[in-house]
């Protein structure tokens, strides 16, 4: 089930919904986040995954095109190679954010309160794999 297809998105939602730590860290989070592939211009119809997070649950996860991913209010963006490094465990998600390899965009004062949840989303991608 390759990232970012439908089965992968469903597996990510299941992984997030079974994670008690994610549930607690995203309890007051009610927004949409896109996991975007920054170099998706080669394949703009497969630009990432949109997650609808509401009060500690991922209520939907689906593949998206570049236009949809760009409209999400919150975005975690990286080249496909960086996503693969994260998902295969070669790059720690926390370090990827700190080093700017994963770009976090959105209402920064608000998202800063939910950085643990953003990190847990990235950790769930590791458990799902590429």
Protein backbone atom coordinates (compact mmCIF):
# COMPACT_ATOMS: atom_id res chain seq x y z
CA UNK A 1 0.00 0.00 0.00
CA UNK A 2 2.13 2.87 -1.24
CA UNK A 3 1.98 6.40 0.11
CA UNK A 4 -0.30 8.28 -0.71
CA UNK A 5 -2.96 5.85 -1.97
CA UNK A 6 -6.41 5.19 -0.46
CA UNK A 7 -5.36 2.09 1.50
CA UNK A 8 -2.38 3.93 2.95
CA UNK A 9 -4.58 6.86 4.03
CA UNK A 10 -7.07 4.47 5.66
CA UNK A 11 -4.25 2.68 7.47
CA UNK A 12 -2.92 6.00 8.75
CA UNK A 13 -6.36 6.99 10.08
CA UNK A 14 -6.66 3.62 11.85
CA UNK A 15 -3.19 4.01 13.34
CA UNK A 16 -3.98 7.50 14.63
CA UNK A 17 -7.33 6.41 16.07
CA UNK A 18 -5.73 3.55 17.99
CA UNK A 19 -3.07 5.82 19.53
CA UNK A 20 -4.10 7.07 23.00
CA UNK A 21 -1.24 9.58 23.09
CA UNK A 22 -2.41 11.10 19.79
CA UNK A 23 -5.97 11.23 21.08
CA UNK A 24 -4.88 13.15 24.18
CA UNK A 25 -2.55 15.53 22.33
CA UNK A 26 -5.17 16.41 19.69
CA UNK A 27 -8.22 16.53 21.93
CA UNK A 28 -9.04 20.18 21.17
CA UNK A 29 -7.77 20.06 17.58
CA UNK A 30 -10.56 20.53 15.03
CA UNK A 31 -9.04 21.18 11.66
CA UNK A 32 -7.82 19.69 8.42
CA UNK A 33 -4.16 18.96 7.81
CA UNK A 34 -2.47 17.93 4.58
CA UNK A 35 0.60 15.74 4.38
CA UNK A 36 1.93 17.22 1.12
CA UNK A 37 4.57 15.97 -1.25
CA UNK A 38 6.39 19.15 -2.30
CA UNK A 39 7.79 17.67 -5.49
CA UNK A 40 4.39 16.33 -6.61
CA UNK A 41 4.40 18.59 -9.64
CA UNK A 42 5.48 15.50 -11.60
CA UNK A 43 2.28 13.77 -10.47
CA UNK A 44 -0.08 16.53 -9.22
CA UNK A 45 -2.98 14.11 -8.79
CA UNK A 46 -1.01 12.27 -6.07
CA UNK A 47 0.14 15.17 -3.95
CA UNK A 48 -0.46 13.74 -0.50
CA UNK A 49 -3.12 12.91 2.05
CA UNK A 50 -5.75 15.10 3.70
CA UNK A 51 -6.57 14.30 7.33
CA UNK A 52 -9.67 15.63 9.06
CA UNK A 53 -8.83 15.68 12.78
CA UNK A 54 -11.64 16.40 15.22
CA UNK A 55 -11.27 16.26 18.99
CA UNK A 56 -8.73 13.48 19.16
CA UNK A 57 -9.94 11.39 16.22
CA UNK A 58 -9.07 11.21 12.57
CA UNK A 59 -12.58 11.23 11.09
CA UNK A 60 -11.35 10.96 7.52
CA UNK A 61 -8.15 10.43 5.57
CA UNK A 62 -7.95 10.46 1.82
CA UNK A 63 -5.45 10.95 -0.96
CA UNK A 64 -5.55 14.39 -2.54
CA UNK A 65 -4.31 16.32 -5.52
CA UNK A 66 -2.01 19.35 -5.30
CA UNK A 67 -4.86 21.87 -5.40
CA UNK A 68 -6.73 20.23 -2.49
CA UNK A 69 -3.55 19.83 -0.45
CA UNK A 70 -2.70 23.49 -0.98
CA UNK A 71 -6.10 24.60 0.31
CA UNK A 72 -5.78 22.76 3.64
CA UNK A 73 -5.46 25.24 6.52
CA UNK A 74 -2.55 23.27 7.98
CA UNK A 75 0.17 21.56 5.99
CA UNK A 76 3.11 19.29 6.69
CA UNK A 77 5.14 19.44 3.47
CA UNK A 78 8.27 17.58 2.37
CA UNK A 79 9.74 16.10 -0.79
CA UNK A 80 8.79 12.47 -1.43
CA UNK A 81 12.32 11.38 -0.56
CA UNK A 82 12.05 12.94 2.91
CA UNK A 83 8.65 11.28 3.46
CA UNK A 84 10.25 7.93 2.54
CA UNK A 85 13.16 8.54 4.92
CA UNK A 86 10.70 9.27 7.74
CA UNK A 87 8.46 6.28 6.96
CA UNK A 88 11.38 3.85 6.78
CA UNK A 89 12.84 5.09 10.07
CA UNK A 90 15.96 6.62 8.50
CA UNK A 91 14.96 10.14 9.60
CA UNK A 92 13.44 10.95 12.98
CA UNK A 93 10.20 12.94 12.48
CA UNK A 94 11.06 15.36 15.28
CA UNK A 95 14.45 16.13 13.76
CA UNK A 96 12.83 16.46 10.33
CA UNK A 97 10.62 19.25 11.68
CA UNK A 98 13.45 20.93 13.63
CA UNK A 99 15.81 20.85 10.65
CA UNK A 100 13.15 22.20 8.31
CA UNK A 101 12.99 19.05 6.19
CA UNK A 102 9.27 18.95 6.95
CA UNK A 103 7.74 22.37 6.54
CA UNK A 104 4.89 23.15 8.94
CA UNK A 105 2.43 25.77 7.68
CA UNK A 106 -0.78 27.20 9.08
CA UNK A 107 -1.85 29.38 12.00
CA UNK A 108 1.49 29.09 13.81
CA UNK A 109 0.34 30.31 17.25
CA UNK A 110 -2.40 27.68 17.16
CA UNK A 111 -0.37 24.87 15.66
CA UNK A 112 2.43 25.48 18.18
CA UNK A 113 0.00 24.26 20.87
CA UNK A 114 -0.39 21.03 18.91
CA UNK A 115 3.19 20.25 17.90
CA UNK A 116 3.01 17.00 19.86
CA UNK A 117 0.01 15.95 17.76
CA UNK A 118 1.83 16.92 14.53
CA UNK A 119 4.82 14.86 15.65
CA UNK A 120 2.52 11.91 16.44
CA UNK A 121 1.02 12.12 12.96
CA UNK A 122 4.54 11.78 11.57
CA UNK A 123 5.29 8.89 13.95
CA UNK A 124 2.13 7.15 12.75
CA UNK A 125 3.45 7.38 9.18
CA UNK A 126 6.49 5.41 10.39
CA UNK A 127 4.25 2.67 11.80
CA UNK A 128 2.20 2.53 8.59
CA UNK A 129 5.33 2.61 6.43
CA UNK A 130 5.77 3.63 2.83
